Amino acid sequence: PSLSPRRLPRERVPAMADAAGALAAVGGALGTRAFAWTFAGAICAGLALAFQADGFARIALLYAFLVCLVVTQLSVHWVLRDLRFQYSTFLTFLQFAACCLPVVPFAAHARPTELCKGVPSPMPFRSRRFLSFYGRKVVPVVFAISVSVAANNASLGLIDPGLNAVLGNMTPACTGILSALFGARLP
């Protein structure tokens, strides 16, 4: 006998449809999860192969950096979405403050140098020359990165982290395509 919906009693059809839908959802979720873990494993293996000449310690440091990026993205998404924290720019400030805490004491004891006519010359940390160098070379980059991180944090409150990562990774490609369309010459 056939098990088509027309030959079964009406009360059994929705139950079977629900069970089939639930089974398909579990199979789809497991398939997606398996694909994600396989993809992540392939990326880790590729990075290990690409950086094998640098040694195990540097590869481990690279993995730690990637884990920190993922944890930061997911925690910002959790704070903005699940806890309904409305001030994504304040989170950006906290991120940069946490980065500056270990860097400023290190920079105070470091001996920064700048190439002058091909010869490295030292710059004292609080000298006018260092502040000029810092203002010309570092502040514009810091400003651009700050705006980028603030926009990224704001977007994590609106979209899922996976989509955010895809859009973030497509940005350089879109920028290159648009600049080529507007006549920029590539080297």
N, C-alpha and C. Protein backbone atom coordinates (compact mmCIF):
# COMPACT_ATOMS: atom_id res chain seq x y z
N PRO A 1 0.83 -1.19 0.00
CA PRO A 1 0.00 0.00 0.00
C PRO A 1 0.87 1.25 0.00
N SER A 2 0.38 2.24 -0.65
CA SER A 2 1.09 3.52 -0.77
C SER A 2 0.88 4.35 0.49
N LEU A 3 1.90 5.15 0.84
CA LEU A 3 1.79 6.02 2.01
C LEU A 3 1.58 7.47 1.60
N SER A 4 0.89 7.70 0.54
CA SER A 4 0.64 9.08 0.12
C SER A 4 -0.32 9.73 1.10
N PRO A 5 -0.28 11.06 1.23
CA PRO A 5 -1.15 11.75 2.19
C PRO A 5 -2.63 11.52 1.96
N ARG A 6 -3.03 11.19 0.73
CA ARG A 6 -4.45 11.01 0.47
C ARG A 6 -5.00 9.73 1.11
N ARG A 7 -4.18 8.70 1.26
CA ARG A 7 -4.65 7.42 1.78
C ARG A 7 -4.51 7.32 3.30
N LEU A 8 -3.79 8.26 3.94
CA LEU A 8 -3.65 8.21 5.38
C LEU A 8 -4.74 9.03 6.05
N PRO A 9 -5.08 8.68 7.27
CA PRO A 9 -6.04 9.52 7.99
C PRO A 9 -5.48 10.94 8.17
N ARG A 10 -6.31 11.93 8.19
CA ARG A 10 -5.91 13.32 8.25
C ARG A 10 -5.05 13.66 9.47
N GLU A 11 -5.32 13.03 10.60
CA GLU A 11 -4.56 13.39 11.80
C GLU A 11 -3.11 12.91 11.75
N ARG A 12 -2.77 11.92 10.93
CA ARG A 12 -1.39 11.43 10.85
C ARG A 12 -0.54 12.25 9.89
N VAL A 13 -1.12 12.91 8.93
CA VAL A 13 -0.34 13.64 7.91
C VAL A 13 0.46 14.79 8.52
N PRO A 14 -0.13 15.69 9.33
CA PRO A 14 0.68 16.77 9.89
C PRO A 14 1.79 16.26 10.79
N ALA A 15 1.54 15.18 11.54
CA ALA A 15 2.57 14.66 12.42
C ALA A 15 3.75 14.14 11.61
N MET A 16 3.46 13.45 10.52
CA MET A 16 4.54 12.94 9.67
C MET A 16 5.28 14.09 8.99
N ALA A 17 4.56 15.10 8.58
CA ALA A 17 5.20 16.26 7.94
C ALA A 17 6.10 16.98 8.93
N ASP A 18 5.62 17.12 10.17
CA ASP A 18 6.45 17.75 11.20
C ASP A 18 7.70 16.93 11.48
N ALA A 19 7.54 15.61 11.56
CA ALA A 19 8.69 14.75 11.82
C ALA A 19 9.68 14.81 10.66
N ALA A 20 9.19 14.79 9.44
CA ALA A 20 10.08 14.87 8.28
C ALA A 20 10.79 16.23 8.24
N GLY A 21 10.06 17.28 8.57
CA GLY A 21 10.68 18.61 8.60
C GLY A 21 11.74 18.72 9.67
N ALA A 22 11.46 18.15 10.85
CA ALA A 22 12.44 18.18 11.93
C ALA A 22 13.67 17.37 11.57
N LEU A 23 13.47 16.20 10.93
CA LEU A 23 14.60 15.38 10.52
C LEU A 23 15.44 16.10 9.47
N ALA A 24 14.79 16.75 8.52
CA ALA A 24 15.52 17.51 7.50
C ALA A 24 16.28 18.68 8.14
N ALA A 25 15.67 19.32 9.12
CA ALA A 25 16.34 20.44 9.79
C ALA A 25 17.58 19.97 10.54
N VAL A 26 17.48 18.84 11.24
CA VAL A 26 18.63 18.31 11.97
C VAL A 26 19.72 17.90 11.00
N GLY A 27 19.33 17.20 9.93
CA GLY A 27 20.31 16.79 8.92
C GLY A 27 20.96 17.99 8.26
N GLY A 28 20.18 19.03 7.99
CA GLY A 28 20.74 20.24 7.39
C GLY A 28 21.68 20.95 8.33
N ALA A 29 21.30 21.01 9.62
CA ALA A 29 22.16 21.67 10.61
C ALA A 29 23.45 20.89 10.80
N LEU A 30 23.36 19.56 10.86
CA LEU A 30 24.57 18.75 11.01
C LEU A 30 25.45 18.87 9.77
N GLY A 31 24.83 18.90 8.62
CA GLY A 31 25.61 19.06 7.39
C GLY A 31 26.30 20.42 7.34
N THR A 32 25.61 21.46 7.76
CA THR A 32 26.19 22.79 7.78
C THR A 32 27.31 22.87 8.80
N ARG A 33 27.08 22.28 9.96
CA ARG A 33 28.12 22.27 11.00
C ARG A 33 29.34 21.49 10.56
N ALA A 34 29.12 20.35 9.95
CA ALA A 34 30.24 19.54 9.47
C ALA A 34 31.02 20.29 8.40
N PHE A 35 30.30 20.97 7.52
CA PHE A 35 30.98 21.76 6.49
C PHE A 35 31.79 22.89 7.11
N ALA A 36 31.21 23.56 8.11
CA ALA A 36 31.92 24.67 8.75
C ALA A 36 33.19 24.19 9.45
N TRP A 37 33.12 23.06 10.17
CA TRP A 37 34.30 22.53 10.85
C TRP A 37 35.34 22.06 9.84
N THR A 38 34.89 21.45 8.75
CA THR A 38 35.82 21.02 7.70
C THR A 38 36.50 22.22 7.07
N PHE A 39 35.75 23.26 6.80
CA PHE A 39 36.30 24.48 6.21
C PHE A 39 37.30 25.14 7.15
N ALA A 40 36.95 25.23 8.43
CA ALA A 40 37.87 25.82 9.42
C ALA A 40 39.14 24.98 9.55
N GLY A 41 38.99 23.66 9.54
CA GLY A 41 40.16 22.78 9.60
C GLY A 41 41.05 22.94 8.39
N ALA A 42 40.44 23.10 7.22
CA ALA A 42 41.22 23.30 5.99
C ALA A 42 41.98 24.62 6.04
N ILE A 43 41.36 25.66 6.58
CA ILE A 43 42.04 26.95 6.71
C ILE A 43 43.22 26.82 7.66
N CYS A 44 43.02 26.15 8.79
CA CYS A 44 44.12 25.97 9.76
C CYS A 44 45.26 25.15 9.15
N ALA A 45 44.92 24.10 8.41
CA ALA A 45 45.96 23.29 7.77
C ALA A 45 46.70 24.10 6.72
N GLY A 46 45.96 24.90 5.95
CA GLY A 46 46.60 25.75 4.95
C GLY A 46 47.53 26.78 5.56
N LEU A 47 47.10 27.37 6.67
CA LEU A 47 47.97 28.34 7.36
C LEU A 47 49.22 27.66 7.91
N ALA A 48 49.07 26.44 8.45
CA ALA A 48 50.22 25.70 8.97
C ALA A 48 51.20 25.39 7.85
N LEU A 49 50.68 25.01 6.69
CA LEU A 49 51.58 24.74 5.55
C LEU A 49 52.25 26.01 5.05
N ALA A 50 51.48 27.09 4.98
CA ALA A 50 52.04 28.34 4.45
C ALA A 50 53.10 28.93 5.37
N PHE A 51 52.94 28.74 6.68
CA PHE A 51 53.86 29.34 7.64
C PHE A 51 54.77 28.30 8.32
N GLN A 52 54.93 27.13 7.75
CA GLN A 52 55.72 26.08 8.39
C GLN A 52 57.18 26.49 8.55
N ALA A 53 57.71 27.33 7.69
CA ALA A 53 59.10 27.78 7.82
C ALA A 53 59.28 28.68 9.04
N ASP A 54 58.20 29.30 9.52
CA ASP A 54 58.30 30.21 10.67
C ASP A 54 58.34 29.47 12.01
N GLY A 55 58.01 28.20 12.00
CA GLY A 55 58.08 27.42 13.23
C GLY A 55 56.75 27.32 13.94
N PHE A 56 56.70 26.36 14.86
CA PHE A 56 55.46 26.05 15.57
C PHE A 56 54.99 27.22 16.44
N ALA A 57 55.92 27.93 17.09
CA ALA A 57 55.52 29.01 18.01
C ALA A 57 54.79 30.11 17.26
N ARG A 58 55.26 30.46 16.09
CA ARG A 58 54.59 31.53 15.33
C ARG A 58 53.25 31.07 14.77
N ILE A 59 53.16 29.81 14.38
CA ILE A 59 51.87 29.30 13.91
C ILE A 59 50.87 29.29 15.06
N ALA A 60 51.31 28.89 16.25
CA ALA A 60 50.44 28.90 17.42
C ALA A 60 50.00 30.32 17.75
N LEU A 61 50.91 31.27 17.60
CA LEU A 61 50.56 32.68 17.84
C LEU A 61 49.53 33.17 16.81
N LEU A 62 49.68 32.75 15.58
CA LEU A 62 48.70 33.11 14.54
C LEU A 62 47.33 32.52 14.86
N TYR A 63 47.30 31.25 15.30
CA TYR A 63 46.03 30.63 15.68
C TYR A 63 45.41 31.35 16.86
N ALA A 64 46.23 31.73 17.83
CA ALA A 64 45.71 32.46 19.00
C ALA A 64 45.12 33.80 18.57
N PHE A 65 45.77 34.48 17.64
CA PHE A 65 45.25 35.74 17.12
C PHE A 65 43.90 35.54 16.45
N LEU A 66 43.78 34.49 15.63
CA LEU A 66 42.51 34.23 14.96
C LEU A 66 41.41 33.88 15.95
N VAL A 67 41.74 33.12 16.97
CA VAL A 67 40.74 32.79 18.01
C VAL A 67 40.30 34.06 18.72
N CYS A 68 41.24 34.95 19.03
CA CYS A 68 40.89 36.22 19.69
C CYS A 68 39.97 37.06 18.81
N LEU A 69 40.21 37.07 17.50
CA LEU A 69 39.32 37.81 16.59
C LEU A 69 37.91 37.25 16.63
N VAL A 70 37.79 35.95 16.56
CA VAL A 70 36.47 35.32 16.56
C VAL A 70 35.76 35.57 17.89
N VAL A 71 36.48 35.41 18.99
CA VAL A 71 35.88 35.63 20.31
C VAL A 71 35.43 37.08 20.46
N THR A 72 36.24 38.02 19.96
CA THR A 72 35.86 39.43 20.04
C THR A 72 34.60 39.70 19.23
N GLN A 73 34.55 39.18 18.01
CA GLN A 73 33.36 39.40 17.17
C GLN A 73 32.11 38.81 17.82
N LEU A 74 32.23 37.58 18.31
CA LEU A 74 31.06 36.93 18.91
C LEU A 74 30.64 37.60 20.21
N SER A 75 31.61 38.08 21.00
CA SER A 75 31.24 38.74 22.26
C SER A 75 30.59 40.10 22.00
N VAL A 76 31.10 40.84 21.00
CA VAL A 76 30.46 42.12 20.65
C VAL A 76 29.04 41.87 20.15
N HIS A 77 28.87 40.85 19.33
CA HIS A 77 27.52 40.51 18.83
C HIS A 77 26.62 40.13 20.00
N TRP A 78 27.13 39.35 20.95
CA TRP A 78 26.33 38.94 22.10
C TRP A 78 25.93 40.15 22.95
N VAL A 79 26.87 41.06 23.19
CA VAL A 79 26.57 42.23 24.02
C VAL A 79 25.55 43.14 23.33
N LEU A 80 25.74 43.36 22.03
CA LEU A 80 24.83 44.27 21.31
C LEU A 80 23.47 43.65 21.05
N ARG A 81 23.44 42.37 20.66
CA ARG A 81 22.18 41.74 20.28
C ARG A 81 21.42 41.17 21.47
N ASP A 82 22.09 40.29 22.20
CA ASP A 82 21.37 39.56 23.26
C ASP A 82 21.18 40.40 24.52
N LEU A 83 22.18 41.17 24.89
CA LEU A 83 22.05 42.02 26.08
C LEU A 83 21.41 43.38 25.75
N ARG A 84 21.22 43.65 24.48
CA ARG A 84 20.58 44.87 23.98
C ARG A 84 21.31 46.15 24.43
N PHE A 85 22.63 46.08 24.44
CA PHE A 85 23.45 47.26 24.75
C PHE A 85 23.45 48.15 23.51
N GLN A 86 23.11 49.42 23.66
CA GLN A 86 22.87 50.29 22.51
C GLN A 86 24.08 51.10 22.07
N TYR A 87 25.16 51.07 22.81
CA TYR A 87 26.27 51.99 22.55
C TYR A 87 27.47 51.24 21.98
N SER A 88 27.40 50.93 20.68
CA SER A 88 28.48 50.17 20.04
C SER A 88 29.77 50.98 19.98
N THR A 89 29.67 52.30 19.91
CA THR A 89 30.88 53.12 19.87
C THR A 89 31.61 53.06 21.21
N PHE A 90 30.89 52.96 22.30
CA PHE A 90 31.53 52.80 23.61
C PHE A 90 32.28 51.48 23.69
N LEU A 91 31.72 50.42 23.08
CA LEU A 91 32.44 49.15 23.02
C LEU A 91 33.73 49.30 22.23
N THR A 92 33.71 50.09 21.18
CA THR A 92 34.91 50.34 20.40
C THR A 92 35.94 51.05 21.27
N PHE A 93 35.51 52.03 22.04
CA PHE A 93 36.41 52.73 22.95
C PHE A 93 37.04 51.75 23.95
N LEU A 94 36.23 50.85 24.50
CA LEU A 94 36.76 49.86 25.45
C LEU A 94 37.78 48.94 24.79
N GLN A 95 37.50 48.55 23.54
CA GLN A 95 38.45 47.69 22.83
C GLN A 95 39.79 48.40 22.65
N PHE A 96 39.76 49.65 22.23
CA PHE A 96 41.01 50.37 22.00
C PHE A 96 41.71 50.70 23.32
N ALA A 97 40.95 50.97 24.37
CA ALA A 97 41.57 51.21 25.67
C ALA A 97 42.27 49.95 26.16
N ALA A 98 41.64 48.79 25.96
CA ALA A 98 42.26 47.53 26.37
C ALA A 98 43.52 47.25 25.56
N CYS A 99 43.55 47.69 24.32
CA CYS A 99 44.77 47.51 23.50
C CYS A 99 45.86 48.49 23.92
N CYS A 100 45.48 49.70 24.31
CA CYS A 100 46.47 50.71 24.66
C CYS A 100 47.14 50.46 26.00
N LEU A 101 46.45 49.82 26.93
CA LEU A 101 47.02 49.59 28.26
C LEU A 101 48.38 48.88 28.22
N PRO A 102 48.53 47.80 27.47
CA PRO A 102 49.86 47.19 27.45
C PRO A 102 50.84 47.88 26.50
N VAL A 103 50.34 48.62 25.53
CA VAL A 103 51.22 49.21 24.51
C VAL A 103 51.90 50.47 25.00
N VAL A 104 51.21 51.33 25.73
CA VAL A 104 51.78 52.62 26.14
C VAL A 104 53.02 52.44 27.04
N PRO A 105 52.99 51.58 28.06
CA PRO A 105 54.24 51.40 28.83
C PRO A 105 55.38 50.84 27.98
N PHE A 106 55.05 49.95 27.06
CA PHE A 106 56.09 49.42 26.18
C PHE A 106 56.68 50.52 25.31
N ALA A 107 55.82 51.38 24.76
CA ALA A 107 56.30 52.47 23.90
C ALA A 107 57.11 53.48 24.69
N ALA A 108 56.80 53.67 25.96
CA ALA A 108 57.56 54.63 26.78
C ALA A 108 58.99 54.15 27.00
N HIS A 109 59.19 52.82 27.04
CA HIS A 109 60.54 52.29 27.26
C HIS A 109 61.24 51.93 25.96
N ALA A 110 60.52 51.90 24.85
CA ALA A 110 61.14 51.57 23.57
C ALA A 110 61.93 52.77 23.05
N ARG A 111 62.83 52.51 22.18
CA ARG A 111 63.62 53.56 21.55
C ARG A 111 63.25 53.63 20.08
N PRO A 112 62.18 54.37 19.76
CA PRO A 112 61.78 54.43 18.35
C PRO A 112 62.84 55.14 17.51
N THR A 113 62.98 54.66 16.28
CA THR A 113 63.94 55.27 15.36
C THR A 113 63.23 55.61 14.06
N GLU A 114 63.79 56.55 13.35
CA GLU A 114 63.26 56.94 12.05
C GLU A 114 64.45 57.04 11.11
N LEU A 115 64.23 56.64 9.87
CA LEU A 115 65.30 56.74 8.89
C LEU A 115 65.44 58.18 8.41
N CYS A 116 66.59 58.75 8.62
CA CYS A 116 66.91 60.09 8.12
C CYS A 116 68.06 59.96 7.14
N LYS A 117 67.78 60.18 5.87
CA LYS A 117 68.79 60.06 4.81
C LYS A 117 69.43 58.67 4.82
N GLY A 118 68.61 57.64 5.04
CA GLY A 118 69.09 56.27 5.01
C GLY A 118 69.74 55.78 6.28
N VAL A 119 69.85 56.62 7.29
CA VAL A 119 70.50 56.24 8.54
C VAL A 119 69.46 56.29 9.66
N PRO A 120 69.31 55.19 10.43
CA PRO A 120 68.36 55.24 11.54
C PRO A 120 68.84 56.18 12.64
N SER A 121 67.95 57.06 13.04
CA SER A 121 68.29 57.97 14.14
C SER A 121 67.22 57.87 15.22
N PRO A 122 67.63 57.83 16.49
CA PRO A 122 66.67 57.65 17.58
C PRO A 122 65.80 58.90 17.79
N MET A 123 64.58 58.64 18.24
CA MET A 123 63.65 59.72 18.58
C MET A 123 63.19 59.51 20.01
N PRO A 124 63.50 60.40 20.94
CA PRO A 124 62.96 60.26 22.29
C PRO A 124 61.43 60.29 22.28
N PHE A 125 60.83 59.54 23.19
CA PHE A 125 59.38 59.33 23.20
C PHE A 125 58.58 60.62 23.27
N ARG A 126 59.03 61.59 24.04
CA ARG A 126 58.25 62.84 24.21
C ARG A 126 58.86 64.01 23.45
N SER A 127 59.69 63.75 22.49
CA SER A 127 60.32 64.85 21.75
C SER A 127 59.35 65.40 20.70
N ARG A 128 59.64 66.57 20.24
CA ARG A 128 58.82 67.21 19.21
C ARG A 128 58.90 66.39 17.91
N ARG A 129 60.07 65.84 17.64
CA ARG A 129 60.26 65.06 16.43
C ARG A 129 59.40 63.79 16.46
N PHE A 130 59.36 63.12 17.62
CA PHE A 130 58.54 61.92 17.74
C PHE A 130 57.06 62.27 17.59
N LEU A 131 56.61 63.33 18.25
CA LEU A 131 55.20 63.71 18.16
C LEU A 131 54.83 64.10 16.74
N SER A 132 55.75 64.74 16.02
CA SER A 132 55.50 65.08 14.62
C SER A 132 55.39 63.80 13.78
N PHE A 133 56.32 62.88 13.98
CA PHE A 133 56.28 61.60 13.27
C PHE A 133 54.98 60.87 13.58
N TYR A 134 54.62 60.82 14.85
CA TYR A 134 53.41 60.13 15.28
C TYR A 134 52.18 60.76 14.64
N GLY A 135 52.13 62.08 14.61
CA GLY A 135 50.99 62.77 14.01
C GLY A 135 50.88 62.57 12.51
N ARG A 136 52.02 62.49 11.84
CA ARG A 136 52.00 62.33 10.38
C ARG A 136 51.78 60.89 9.93
N LYS A 137 52.38 59.93 10.63
CA LYS A 137 52.39 58.55 10.16
C LYS A 137 51.43 57.62 10.90
N VAL A 138 51.19 57.87 12.16
CA VAL A 138 50.42 56.91 12.96
C VAL A 138 48.97 57.34 13.14
N VAL A 139 48.74 58.60 13.47
CA VAL A 139 47.38 59.06 13.77
C VAL A 139 46.41 58.84 12.60
N PRO A 140 46.77 59.12 11.34
CA PRO A 140 45.81 58.86 10.26
C PRO A 140 45.41 57.38 10.16
N VAL A 141 46.35 56.48 10.35
CA VAL A 141 46.04 55.06 10.30
C VAL A 141 45.16 54.66 11.48
N VAL A 142 45.48 55.17 12.66
CA VAL A 142 44.68 54.88 13.85
C VAL A 142 43.26 55.39 13.68
N PHE A 143 43.11 56.57 13.11
CA PHE A 143 41.78 57.13 12.89
C PHE A 143 40.99 56.24 11.93
N ALA A 144 41.61 55.83 10.82
CA ALA A 144 40.92 54.98 9.84
C ALA A 144 40.52 53.64 10.46
N ILE A 145 41.41 53.05 11.22
CA ILE A 145 41.09 51.76 11.86
C ILE A 145 40.00 51.94 12.91
N SER A 146 40.03 53.04 13.65
CA SER A 146 38.99 53.29 14.66
C SER A 146 37.62 53.41 14.03
N VAL A 147 37.53 54.14 12.94
CA VAL A 147 36.24 54.28 12.24
C VAL A 147 35.79 52.92 11.70
N SER A 148 36.72 52.14 11.17
CA SER A 148 36.39 50.82 10.66
C SER A 148 35.88 49.90 11.76
N VAL A 149 36.54 49.89 12.90
CA VAL A 149 36.12 49.03 14.01
C VAL A 149 34.78 49.50 14.58
N ALA A 150 34.58 50.81 14.66
CA ALA A 150 33.29 51.32 15.14
C ALA A 150 32.16 50.92 14.21
N ALA A 151 32.39 51.01 12.90
CA ALA A 151 31.37 50.59 11.93
C ALA A 151 31.13 49.08 12.02
N ASN A 152 32.20 48.32 12.20
CA ASN A 152 32.07 46.87 12.34
C ASN A 152 31.26 46.52 13.59
N ASN A 153 31.55 47.18 14.70
CA ASN A 153 30.79 46.92 15.93
C ASN A 153 29.33 47.30 15.77
N ALA A 154 29.06 48.41 15.10
CA ALA A 154 27.66 48.81 14.86
C ALA A 154 26.95 47.78 13.99
N SER A 155 27.64 47.25 12.99
CA SER A 155 27.00 46.25 12.12
C SER A 155 26.75 44.94 12.85
N LEU A 156 27.59 44.61 13.83
CA LEU A 156 27.37 43.37 14.59
C LEU A 156 26.10 43.44 15.42
N GLY A 157 25.61 44.64 15.71
CA GLY A 157 24.34 44.77 16.41
C GLY A 157 23.15 44.57 15.50
N LEU A 158 23.40 44.61 14.18
CA LEU A 158 22.30 44.52 13.22
C LEU A 158 22.25 43.20 12.46
N ILE A 159 23.42 42.61 12.19
CA ILE A 159 23.48 41.38 11.41
C ILE A 159 24.28 40.32 12.16
N ASP A 160 24.18 39.09 11.71
CA ASP A 160 24.91 37.99 12.34
C ASP A 160 26.40 38.08 12.05
N PRO A 161 27.23 37.54 12.94
CA PRO A 161 28.68 37.63 12.75
C PRO A 161 29.18 36.97 11.47
N GLY A 162 28.55 35.89 11.04
CA GLY A 162 28.97 35.22 9.80
C GLY A 162 28.80 36.12 8.59
N LEU A 163 27.63 36.73 8.47
CA LEU A 163 27.39 37.65 7.37
C LEU A 163 28.30 38.87 7.47
N ASN A 164 28.53 39.32 8.68
CA ASN A 164 29.44 40.45 8.89
C ASN A 164 30.84 40.11 8.39
N ALA A 165 31.31 38.90 8.69
CA ALA A 165 32.64 38.48 8.24
C ALA A 165 32.70 38.38 6.73
N VAL A 166 31.64 37.85 6.11
CA VAL A 166 31.62 37.74 4.65
C VAL A 166 31.67 39.14 4.02
N LEU A 167 30.86 40.04 4.53
CA LEU A 167 30.86 41.41 3.99
C LEU A 167 32.20 42.10 4.22
N GLY A 168 32.80 41.88 5.39
CA GLY A 168 34.10 42.47 5.67
C GLY A 168 35.18 41.94 4.76
N ASN A 169 35.11 40.66 4.44
CA ASN A 169 36.11 40.07 3.55
C ASN A 169 35.90 40.47 2.10
N MET A 170 34.68 40.84 1.74
CA MET A 170 34.42 41.27 0.36
C MET A 170 34.77 42.73 0.13
N THR A 171 34.95 43.50 1.19
CA THR A 171 35.21 44.93 1.04
C THR A 171 36.42 45.23 0.17
N PRO A 172 37.59 44.60 0.38
CA PRO A 172 38.73 44.92 -0.50
C PRO A 172 38.46 44.58 -1.97
N ALA A 173 37.78 43.46 -2.22
CA ALA A 173 37.48 43.10 -3.60
C ALA A 173 36.54 44.13 -4.24
N CYS A 174 35.51 44.55 -3.51
CA CYS A 174 34.58 45.56 -4.04
C CYS A 174 35.31 46.89 -4.26
N THR A 175 36.20 47.25 -3.34
CA THR A 175 36.96 48.49 -3.50
C THR A 175 37.84 48.41 -4.74
N GLY A 176 38.49 47.28 -4.95
CA GLY A 176 39.33 47.11 -6.15
C GLY A 176 38.53 47.17 -7.43
N ILE A 177 37.36 46.54 -7.44
CA ILE A 177 36.52 46.55 -8.64
C ILE A 177 36.02 47.96 -8.93
N LEU A 178 35.54 48.66 -7.89
CA LEU A 178 35.06 50.03 -8.10
C LEU A 178 36.17 50.96 -8.55
N SER A 179 37.36 50.83 -7.95
CA SER A 179 38.46 51.71 -8.36
C SER A 179 38.88 51.40 -9.79
N ALA A 180 38.84 50.13 -10.21
CA ALA A 180 39.16 49.79 -11.60
C ALA A 180 38.10 50.34 -12.54
N LEU A 181 36.83 50.28 -12.12
CA LEU A 181 35.75 50.84 -12.96
C LEU A 181 35.88 52.35 -13.13
N PHE A 182 36.41 53.02 -12.11
CA PHE A 182 36.57 54.46 -12.19
C PHE A 182 37.93 54.89 -12.75
N GLY A 183 38.68 53.92 -13.28
CA GLY A 183 39.90 54.28 -14.02
C GLY A 183 41.19 54.19 -13.26
N ALA A 184 41.21 53.64 -12.07
CA ALA A 184 42.48 53.53 -11.34
C ALA A 184 43.34 52.46 -12.01
N ARG A 185 44.61 52.73 -12.09
CA ARG A 185 45.54 51.77 -12.68
C ARG A 185 46.13 50.89 -11.58
N LEU A 186 46.12 49.60 -11.82
CA LEU A 186 46.69 48.68 -10.86
C LEU A 186 48.15 48.45 -11.24
N PRO A 187 49.02 48.28 -10.25
CA PRO A 187 50.46 48.09 -10.57
C PRO A 187 50.74 46.81 -11.29
